[in-house]
């Protein structure tokens, strides 16, 4: 064996080789986690996207909505659930990758080479940090922007394609205080058994009934042409009923539909500064609890990526290595992850009614991060006391 005289030259040479080997091990671990993560994330996204998009299938098959509009609406919905999927996908891929590495005895080899729990956990934590930052970007910008566009597109469809929304035997709301009912559809787009109820003015509600009618496009939007019917208006103040029979009556649906700029925006559509200062309208004041819950959820939910990752690492990297006890550790990790997610979801719903519980939402995720860190740190201290230094890092005798 070739030796180098002088301890001052031997140690840097061997430590540089050792550091390079550790970096290669960590890159290998990162690849083992990244592949399953991308696969699980893509699979969960596809399943949830399809389930959410099923509501538009009827508009394509029966009502003539274009495929392009269908895909566009589906893409706008993706950020609203992508922030929830990514931490779960990372946790699943971590459990799968480390379980496979354990059964292949690769984790034993890494530990024998001198890597402690934190050295093995480094690639997973780095990926968790990237996912956390990405989910913050989704929550703070992409979700409100995409969901706002989705809701505005819905109003455009109601205004420009009102015929798509008028289903047989269904009371369909149009705008504020208007409801339309169609008994059946005839040949050539004719609508049969029509009822239109206008309660925009509660003191003078109006109800129109017609034997048949049709939707006619115009430059200002669709118009509802009613044939052979009557118009009933009730004056509640004077308790009088006005009845008008008509052979032809035109109703402007574009005026009934609420304009995108005039409608009330839901909490999910609003940016952070809008959640902090929602406004003073009646709807804003009535939904103040939902604004607070949405704000806290956007701040906390990205941290679940770190919490779930640390829970998985603490379950699989601490304690004595035993292949037969691996499934028990996996079940413990899954149970702990489900508990953190379930408690967070329950608290988010409770904050709507009681804002004083918001602090518990942060305590929940802090415990999900802090307890695994303590377990991994204690395991690292035990190993550092028991493990002898690697042979290739020892100083050669002069």
Protein backbone atom coordinates (compact mmCIF):
# COMPACT_ATOMS: atom_id res chain seq x y z
CA UNK A 1 0.00 0.00 0.00
CA UNK A 2 1.34 3.42 -0.98
CA UNK A 3 1.63 5.97 1.78
CA UNK A 4 2.20 9.72 1.74
CA UNK A 5 4.63 11.04 4.31
CA UNK A 6 3.23 13.70 6.59
CA UNK A 7 -0.23 13.81 8.09
CA UNK A 8 -0.92 17.30 6.75
CA UNK A 9 -1.00 15.99 3.17
CA UNK A 10 -2.78 12.67 3.77
CA UNK A 11 -5.97 14.02 5.37
CA UNK A 12 -7.00 16.56 2.65
CA UNK A 13 -6.53 13.96 -0.09
CA UNK A 14 -8.66 11.35 1.66
CA UNK A 15 -11.32 13.86 2.86
CA UNK A 16 -11.79 15.22 -0.67
CA UNK A 17 -12.37 11.70 -1.97
CA UNK A 18 -14.78 11.00 0.89
CA UNK A 19 -16.70 14.24 0.25
CA UNK A 20 -16.97 13.46 -3.46
CA UNK A 21 -18.31 9.99 -2.69
CA UNK A 22 -20.93 11.46 -0.33
CA UNK A 23 -22.06 13.89 -3.00
CA UNK A 24 -22.43 11.05 -5.51
CA UNK A 25 -24.47 9.09 -2.98
CA UNK A 26 -26.76 12.07 -2.41
CA UNK A 27 -27.27 12.61 -6.14
CA UNK A 28 -28.16 8.94 -6.42
CA UNK A 29 -30.70 9.26 -3.61
CA UNK A 30 -32.17 12.38 -5.21
CA UNK A 31 -32.72 10.50 -8.49
CA UNK A 32 -34.35 7.61 -6.66
CA UNK A 33 -36.89 10.00 -5.10
CA UNK A 34 -37.42 12.34 -8.05
CA UNK A 35 -38.55 9.67 -10.52
CA UNK A 36 -41.39 8.27 -8.37
CA UNK A 37 -42.34 11.81 -7.30
CA UNK A 38 -42.92 12.94 -10.88
CA UNK A 39 -44.86 9.75 -11.66
CA UNK A 40 -47.09 9.96 -8.58
CA UNK A 41 -47.68 13.70 -9.02
CA UNK A 42 -48.64 13.24 -12.68
CA UNK A 43 -50.96 10.33 -11.86
CA UNK A 44 -52.76 12.10 -9.02
CA UNK A 45 -53.08 15.27 -11.09
CA UNK A 46 -54.58 13.35 -14.01
CA UNK A 47 -57.09 11.51 -11.81
CA UNK A 48 -58.27 14.62 -9.97
CA UNK A 49 -58.29 16.71 -13.14
CA UNK A 50 -60.53 14.16 -14.86
CA UNK A 51 -62.88 13.98 -11.87
CA UNK A 52 -63.14 17.77 -11.74
CA UNK A 53 -63.61 18.07 -15.50
CA UNK A 54 -66.51 15.62 -15.66
CA UNK A 55 -68.88 18.47 -14.90
CA UNK A 56 -68.13 19.86 -18.40
CA UNK A 57 -68.62 16.59 -20.30
CA UNK A 58 -72.36 17.15 -20.67
CA UNK A 59 -71.71 20.57 -22.16
CA UNK A 60 -69.58 18.96 -24.85
CA UNK A 61 -71.73 15.92 -25.64
CA UNK A 62 -75.19 17.44 -25.48
CA UNK A 63 -74.80 21.20 -25.61
CA UNK A 64 -72.03 21.82 -28.14
CA UNK A 65 -69.25 23.32 -26.02
CA UNK A 66 -65.97 23.15 -27.95
CA UNK A 67 -63.10 20.87 -26.94
CA UNK A 68 -60.82 23.91 -26.72
CA UNK A 69 -63.08 25.60 -24.18
CA UNK A 70 -63.33 22.34 -22.21
CA UNK A 71 -59.54 21.95 -22.01
CA UNK A 72 -59.09 25.60 -21.12
CA UNK A 73 -61.52 25.36 -18.21
CA UNK A 74 -59.83 22.18 -17.01
CA UNK A 75 -56.38 23.77 -17.07
CA UNK A 76 -57.66 26.74 -15.07
CA UNK A 77 -58.78 24.36 -12.32
CA UNK A 78 -55.39 22.65 -11.96
CA UNK A 79 -53.62 25.13 -9.60
CA UNK A 80 -56.48 24.92 -7.11
CA UNK A 81 -55.66 21.27 -6.31
CA UNK A 82 -52.01 21.07 -7.41
CA UNK A 83 -50.86 22.68 -4.17
CA UNK A 84 -52.47 19.83 -2.21
CA UNK A 85 -51.23 17.06 -4.49
CA UNK A 86 -47.51 17.87 -4.53
CA UNK A 87 -46.77 17.38 -0.77
CA UNK A 88 -48.72 14.11 -0.79
CA UNK A 89 -46.93 12.93 -3.94
CA UNK A 90 -43.56 13.73 -2.37
CA UNK A 91 -44.44 11.75 0.76
CA UNK A 92 -45.57 8.72 -1.26
CA UNK A 93 -42.46 8.76 -3.45
CA UNK A 94 -40.23 9.08 -0.38
CA UNK A 95 -41.82 6.05 1.29
CA UNK A 96 -41.54 4.03 -1.92
CA UNK A 97 -37.93 4.96 -2.65
CA UNK A 98 -36.57 4.43 0.87
CA UNK A 99 -38.49 1.19 1.30
CA UNK A 100 -36.94 -0.15 -1.90
CA UNK A 101 -33.47 1.04 -0.85
CA UNK A 102 -33.91 -0.76 2.47
CA UNK A 103 -34.90 -4.05 0.88
CA UNK A 104 -31.96 -3.79 -1.53
CA UNK A 105 -29.65 -3.17 1.46
CA UNK A 106 -28.46 0.08 -0.10
CA UNK A 107 -29.26 2.13 3.00
CA UNK A 108 -27.13 -0.25 5.04
CA UNK A 109 -24.25 0.33 2.64
CA UNK A 110 -24.65 4.10 2.89
CA UNK A 111 -24.66 3.95 6.67
CA UNK A 112 -21.60 1.70 6.63
CA UNK A 113 -19.88 4.25 4.38
CA UNK A 114 -20.32 6.88 7.10
CA UNK A 115 -23.55 8.66 6.11
CA UNK A 116 -25.74 9.51 9.10
CA UNK A 117 -29.51 10.12 9.08
CA UNK A 118 -29.12 13.77 8.07
CA UNK A 119 -26.72 12.88 5.27
CA UNK A 120 -29.20 10.37 3.86
CA UNK A 121 -32.12 12.76 4.41
CA UNK A 122 -30.42 15.67 2.64
CA UNK A 123 -31.68 14.98 -0.92
CA UNK A 124 -35.25 14.44 0.28
CA UNK A 125 -35.19 17.66 2.29
CA UNK A 126 -33.77 19.57 -0.66
CA UNK A 127 -36.61 18.34 -2.87
CA UNK A 128 -39.11 19.18 -0.11
CA UNK A 129 -37.75 22.74 0.03
CA UNK A 130 -38.21 23.11 -3.74
CA UNK A 131 -41.79 21.78 -3.52
CA UNK A 132 -42.53 24.16 -0.63
CA UNK A 133 -41.39 27.18 -2.64
CA UNK A 134 -43.36 26.01 -5.68
CA UNK A 135 -46.55 25.52 -3.62
CA UNK A 136 -46.13 29.01 -2.15
CA UNK A 137 -46.01 30.39 -5.70
CA UNK A 138 -49.16 28.43 -6.55
CA UNK A 139 -51.04 29.56 -3.43
CA UNK A 140 -50.06 33.21 -3.53
CA UNK A 141 -50.42 33.89 -7.25
CA UNK A 142 -51.40 31.07 -9.62
CA UNK A 143 -54.44 29.78 -7.70
CA UNK A 144 -56.25 33.15 -7.34
CA UNK A 145 -55.32 34.17 -10.89
CA UNK A 146 -56.46 30.92 -12.51
CA UNK A 147 -59.60 30.49 -10.40
CA UNK A 148 -60.62 34.09 -11.06
CA UNK A 149 -60.25 33.50 -14.78
CA UNK A 150 -62.23 30.26 -14.44
CA UNK A 151 -65.15 32.01 -12.75
CA UNK A 152 -65.12 34.82 -15.32
CA UNK A 153 -65.15 32.28 -18.14
CA UNK A 154 -68.21 30.72 -16.52
CA UNK A 155 -69.99 34.05 -16.68
CA UNK A 156 -68.96 34.48 -20.30
CA UNK A 157 -70.41 31.07 -21.10
CA UNK A 158 -73.62 32.02 -19.31
CA UNK A 159 -73.83 35.22 -21.35
CA UNK A 160 -72.75 33.93 -24.76
CA UNK A 161 -73.92 30.32 -24.55
CA UNK A 162 -76.98 30.52 -22.34
CA UNK A 163 -78.58 27.72 -24.34
CA UNK A 164 -75.88 25.40 -23.01
CA UNK A 165 -76.96 26.02 -19.45
CA UNK A 166 -80.71 25.57 -19.90
CA UNK A 167 -81.23 21.89 -19.10
CA UNK A 168 -84.52 20.09 -19.37
CA UNK A 169 -86.48 19.86 -16.13
CA UNK A 170 -83.97 21.92 -14.16
CA UNK A 171 -84.44 25.33 -12.52
CA UNK A 172 -81.42 27.25 -13.81
CA UNK A 173 -80.33 30.48 -12.07
CA UNK A 174 -79.30 33.30 -14.41
CA UNK A 175 -77.69 36.29 -12.77
CA UNK A 176 -79.05 37.82 -9.59
CA UNK A 177 -82.66 36.96 -8.79
CA UNK A 178 -83.57 35.27 -12.09
CA UNK A 179 -84.53 31.62 -12.54
CA UNK A 180 -85.40 29.85 -15.80
CA UNK A 181 -87.15 26.49 -16.19
CA UNK A 182 -87.54 24.55 -19.46
CA UNK A 183 -89.74 21.45 -19.53
CA UNK A 184 -88.37 19.97 -22.76
CA UNK A 185 -86.51 20.68 -25.99
CA UNK A 186 -88.25 20.34 -29.33
CA UNK A 187 -86.94 20.04 -32.86
CA UNK A 188 -84.72 22.78 -34.23
CA UNK A 189 -83.75 24.12 -30.81
CA UNK A 190 -87.31 25.00 -29.77
CA UNK A 191 -87.87 25.16 -26.00
CA UNK A 192 -91.18 23.89 -24.61
CA UNK A 193 -92.89 24.70 -21.31
CA UNK A 194 -90.91 27.78 -20.27
CA UNK A 195 -91.04 29.56 -16.91
CA UNK A 196 -89.01 32.66 -16.07
CA UNK A 197 -89.10 34.08 -12.54
CA UNK A 198 -87.67 37.54 -11.83
CA UNK A 199 -87.22 38.38 -8.15
CA UNK A 200 -84.67 41.15 -8.58
CA UNK A 201 -87.17 43.51 -6.99
CA UNK A 202 -88.61 41.57 -4.01
CA UNK A 203 -91.53 43.99 -3.73
CA UNK A 204 -92.62 43.40 -7.34
CA UNK A 205 -91.72 39.81 -8.39
CA UNK A 206 -92.46 38.87 -11.99
CA UNK A 207 -93.25 35.44 -13.39
CA UNK A 208 -93.50 34.72 -17.13
CA UNK A 209 -94.82 31.48 -18.60
CA UNK A 210 -94.94 30.49 -22.25
CA UNK A 211 -95.91 27.42 -24.24
CA UNK A 212 -92.72 27.57 -26.25
CA UNK A 213 -89.81 29.79 -27.18
CA UNK A 214 -86.28 29.87 -28.53
CA UNK A 215 -82.93 31.53 -27.98
CA UNK A 216 -81.98 33.98 -30.70
CA UNK A 217 -78.41 35.35 -30.97
CA UNK A 218 -77.87 39.09 -31.41
CA UNK A 219 -75.00 41.58 -31.35
CA UNK A 220 -75.74 42.42 -27.71
CA UNK A 221 -76.00 38.78 -26.63
CA UNK A 222 -78.67 36.07 -26.70
CA UNK A 223 -82.36 36.97 -26.50
CA UNK A 224 -85.12 34.74 -25.16
CA UNK A 225 -88.18 34.90 -27.45
CA UNK A 226 -91.30 33.63 -25.65
CA UNK A 227 -94.40 32.63 -27.63
CA UNK A 228 -98.01 32.31 -26.43
CA UNK A 229 -97.75 33.00 -22.75
CA UNK A 230 -98.46 35.44 -19.94
CA UNK A 231 -96.63 37.82 -17.64
CA UNK A 232 -97.65 38.04 -13.95
CA UNK A 233 -96.45 40.84 -11.70
CA UNK A 234 -97.34 41.10 -8.00
CA UNK A 235 -97.37 44.43 -6.17
CA UNK A 236 -96.82 43.34 -2.56
CA UNK A 237 -97.32 46.82 -1.19
CA UNK A 238 -100.82 47.19 -2.63
CA UNK A 239 -101.50 43.43 -2.86
CA UNK A 240 -102.36 43.62 -6.54
CA UNK A 241 -101.73 41.19 -9.38
CA UNK A 242 -101.12 42.42 -12.92
CA UNK A 243 -101.65 39.87 -15.66
CA UNK A 244 -100.60 40.35 -19.28
CA UNK A 245 -101.18 37.83 -22.07
CA UNK A 246 -98.87 37.95 -25.05
CA UNK A 247 -98.29 36.15 -28.33
CA UNK A 248 -94.63 37.16 -28.49
CA UNK A 249 -92.37 38.52 -25.76
CA UNK A 250 -88.60 39.15 -25.99
CA UNK A 251 -86.37 38.83 -22.95
CA UNK A 252 -82.74 40.01 -23.11
CA UNK A 253 -80.66 37.33 -21.37
CA UNK A 254 -77.51 39.42 -21.66
CA UNK A 255 -79.06 41.88 -19.22
CA UNK A 256 -79.90 39.11 -16.79
CA UNK A 257 -76.38 37.68 -16.64
CA UNK A 258 -74.10 39.21 -14.09
CA UNK A 259 -71.04 40.97 -15.55
CA UNK A 260 -67.61 39.62 -14.49
CA UNK A 261 -66.58 42.98 -13.11
CA UNK A 262 -69.74 43.28 -11.02
CA UNK A 263 -69.93 39.85 -9.44
CA UNK A 264 -68.76 39.05 -5.91
CA UNK A 265 -65.39 37.30 -5.83
CA UNK A 266 -65.02 34.18 -3.73
CA UNK A 267 -62.13 33.86 -1.22
CA UNK A 268 -60.23 31.49 -3.51
CA UNK A 269 -60.25 34.12 -6.27
CA UNK A 270 -58.61 36.81 -4.15
CA UNK A 271 -54.96 37.64 -3.70
CA UNK A 272 -53.36 38.00 -0.27
CA UNK A 273 -53.85 41.76 -0.04
CA UNK A 274 -57.52 41.28 -0.96
CA UNK A 275 -57.92 38.67 1.76
CA UNK A 276 -56.38 41.04 4.30
CA UNK A 277 -58.69 43.89 3.22
CA UNK A 278 -61.73 42.20 1.63
CA UNK A 279 -64.05 45.20 1.58
CA UNK A 280 -67.12 46.50 3.35
CA UNK A 281 -69.95 45.13 1.21
CA UNK A 282 -72.63 42.95 2.77
CA UNK A 283 -71.24 39.79 1.15
CA UNK A 284 -67.69 40.62 2.28
CA UNK A 285 -68.73 41.17 5.88
CA UNK A 286 -70.81 37.99 5.92
CA UNK A 287 -67.89 35.89 4.64
CA UNK A 288 -65.13 37.43 6.76
CA UNK A 289 -64.45 34.07 8.43
CA UNK A 290 -63.88 32.40 5.06
CA UNK A 291 -61.38 35.10 4.11
CA UNK A 292 -59.37 34.49 7.29
CA UNK A 293 -59.43 30.72 6.84
CA UNK A 294 -58.32 31.01 3.22
CA UNK A 295 -55.44 33.32 4.17
CA UNK A 296 -54.12 31.02 6.92
CA UNK A 297 -54.50 27.95 4.72
CA UNK A 298 -52.43 29.52 1.95
CA UNK A 299 -49.64 30.31 4.41
CA UNK A 300 -49.60 26.93 6.14
CA UNK A 301 -50.35 24.40 3.38
CA UNK A 302 -46.93 24.65 1.60
CA UNK A 303 -45.22 23.69 4.87
CA UNK A 304 -46.92 20.30 4.73
CA UNK A 305 -44.32 19.31 2.14
CA UNK A 306 -41.60 19.67 4.78
CA UNK A 307 -43.72 18.12 7.53
CA UNK A 308 -44.70 15.01 5.54
CA UNK A 309 -41.14 14.55 4.28
CA UNK A 310 -39.69 14.73 7.77
CA UNK A 311 -42.33 12.34 9.10
CA UNK A 312 -41.39 9.78 6.46
CA UNK A 313 -37.67 10.23 7.10
CA UNK A 314 -38.05 9.93 10.86
CA UNK A 315 -40.05 6.72 10.49
CA UNK A 316 -37.65 5.04 8.06
CA UNK A 317 -34.24 6.28 9.25
CA UNK A 318 -34.53 6.01 13.03
CA UNK A 319 -34.47 2.88 15.16
CA UNK A 320 -32.70 -0.37 14.45
CA UNK A 321 -32.73 -1.65 10.90
CA UNK A 322 -35.07 -4.61 10.45
CA UNK A 323 -36.62 -5.65 7.17
CA UNK A 324 -39.46 -7.47 8.86
CA UNK A 325 -40.42 -4.34 10.81
CA UNK A 326 -40.36 -2.08 7.75
CA UNK A 327 -44.10 -2.25 7.08
CA UNK A 328 -44.85 -1.24 10.64
CA UNK A 329 -42.72 1.87 10.21
CA UNK A 330 -44.45 2.67 6.93
CA UNK A 331 -47.87 2.37 8.55
CA UNK A 332 -46.75 4.63 11.40
CA UNK A 333 -45.53 7.22 8.88
CA UNK A 334 -48.79 7.06 6.91
CA UNK A 335 -50.84 7.37 10.11
CA UNK A 336 -48.85 10.36 11.32
CA UNK A 337 -49.10 12.07 7.91
CA UNK A 338 -52.86 11.48 7.76
CA UNK A 339 -53.23 12.86 11.28
CA UNK A 340 -51.37 16.07 10.40
CA UNK A 341 -53.41 16.55 7.22
CA UNK A 342 -56.74 15.72 8.89
CA UNK A 343 -56.11 18.03 11.84
CA UNK A 344 -55.12 20.83 9.48
CA UNK A 345 -58.28 20.35 7.40
CA UNK A 346 -60.49 20.28 10.49
CA UNK A 347 -58.90 23.43 11.88
CA UNK A 348 -59.32 25.22 8.55
CA UNK A 349 -63.06 24.56 8.73
CA UNK A 350 -63.24 25.64 12.37
CA UNK A 351 -61.38 28.90 11.71
CA UNK A 352 -64.28 30.00 9.49
CA UNK A 353 -66.48 30.18 12.59
CA UNK A 354 -63.82 30.92 15.23
CA UNK A 355 -60.75 32.87 14.13
CA UNK A 356 -59.07 32.43 17.54
CA UNK A 357 -58.23 28.83 16.55
CA UNK A 358 -55.90 29.99 13.77
CA UNK A 359 -52.85 29.57 16.00
CA UNK A 360 -53.55 25.84 16.32
CA UNK A 361 -53.11 25.51 12.56
CA UNK A 362 -49.50 26.69 12.91
CA UNK A 363 -48.94 24.55 16.01
CA UNK A 364 -50.07 21.48 14.07
CA UNK A 365 -47.57 21.95 11.24
CA UNK A 366 -44.84 22.99 13.71
CA UNK A 367 -45.26 19.70 15.57
CA UNK A 368 -45.25 17.84 12.26
CA UNK A 369 -41.86 19.41 11.50
CA UNK A 370 -40.34 19.64 14.99
CA UNK A 371 -40.92 16.12 16.33
CA UNK A 372 -39.26 14.36 13.34
CA UNK A 373 -36.30 16.76 13.57
CA UNK A 374 -35.79 15.79 17.21
CA UNK A 375 -35.99 12.08 16.38
CA UNK A 376 -33.51 12.38 13.51
CA UNK A 377 -31.13 14.48 15.60
CA UNK A 378 -31.15 11.99 18.47
CA UNK A 379 -30.51 9.16 16.04
CA UNK A 380 -27.60 11.09 14.54
CA UNK A 381 -26.06 11.66 17.99
CA UNK A 382 -26.33 7.97 18.86
CA UNK A 383 -24.69 6.93 15.61
CA UNK A 384 -21.92 9.52 15.95
CA UNK A 385 -21.00 8.05 19.35
CA UNK A 386 -21.13 4.41 18.22
CA UNK A 387 -19.64 4.55 14.73
CA UNK A 388 -15.86 4.39 14.42
CA UNK A 389 -14.27 6.83 11.98
CA UNK A 390 -13.89 5.53 8.40
CA UNK A 391 -10.53 3.94 7.63
CA UNK A 392 -9.83 6.17 4.64
CA UNK A 393 -10.17 9.32 6.78
CA UNK A 394 -7.71 8.21 9.44
CA UNK A 395 -4.32 9.84 9.48
CA UNK A 396 -1.47 7.68 8.29
CA UNK A 397 1.40 7.17 10.63
CA UNK A 398 4.52 9.04 9.80
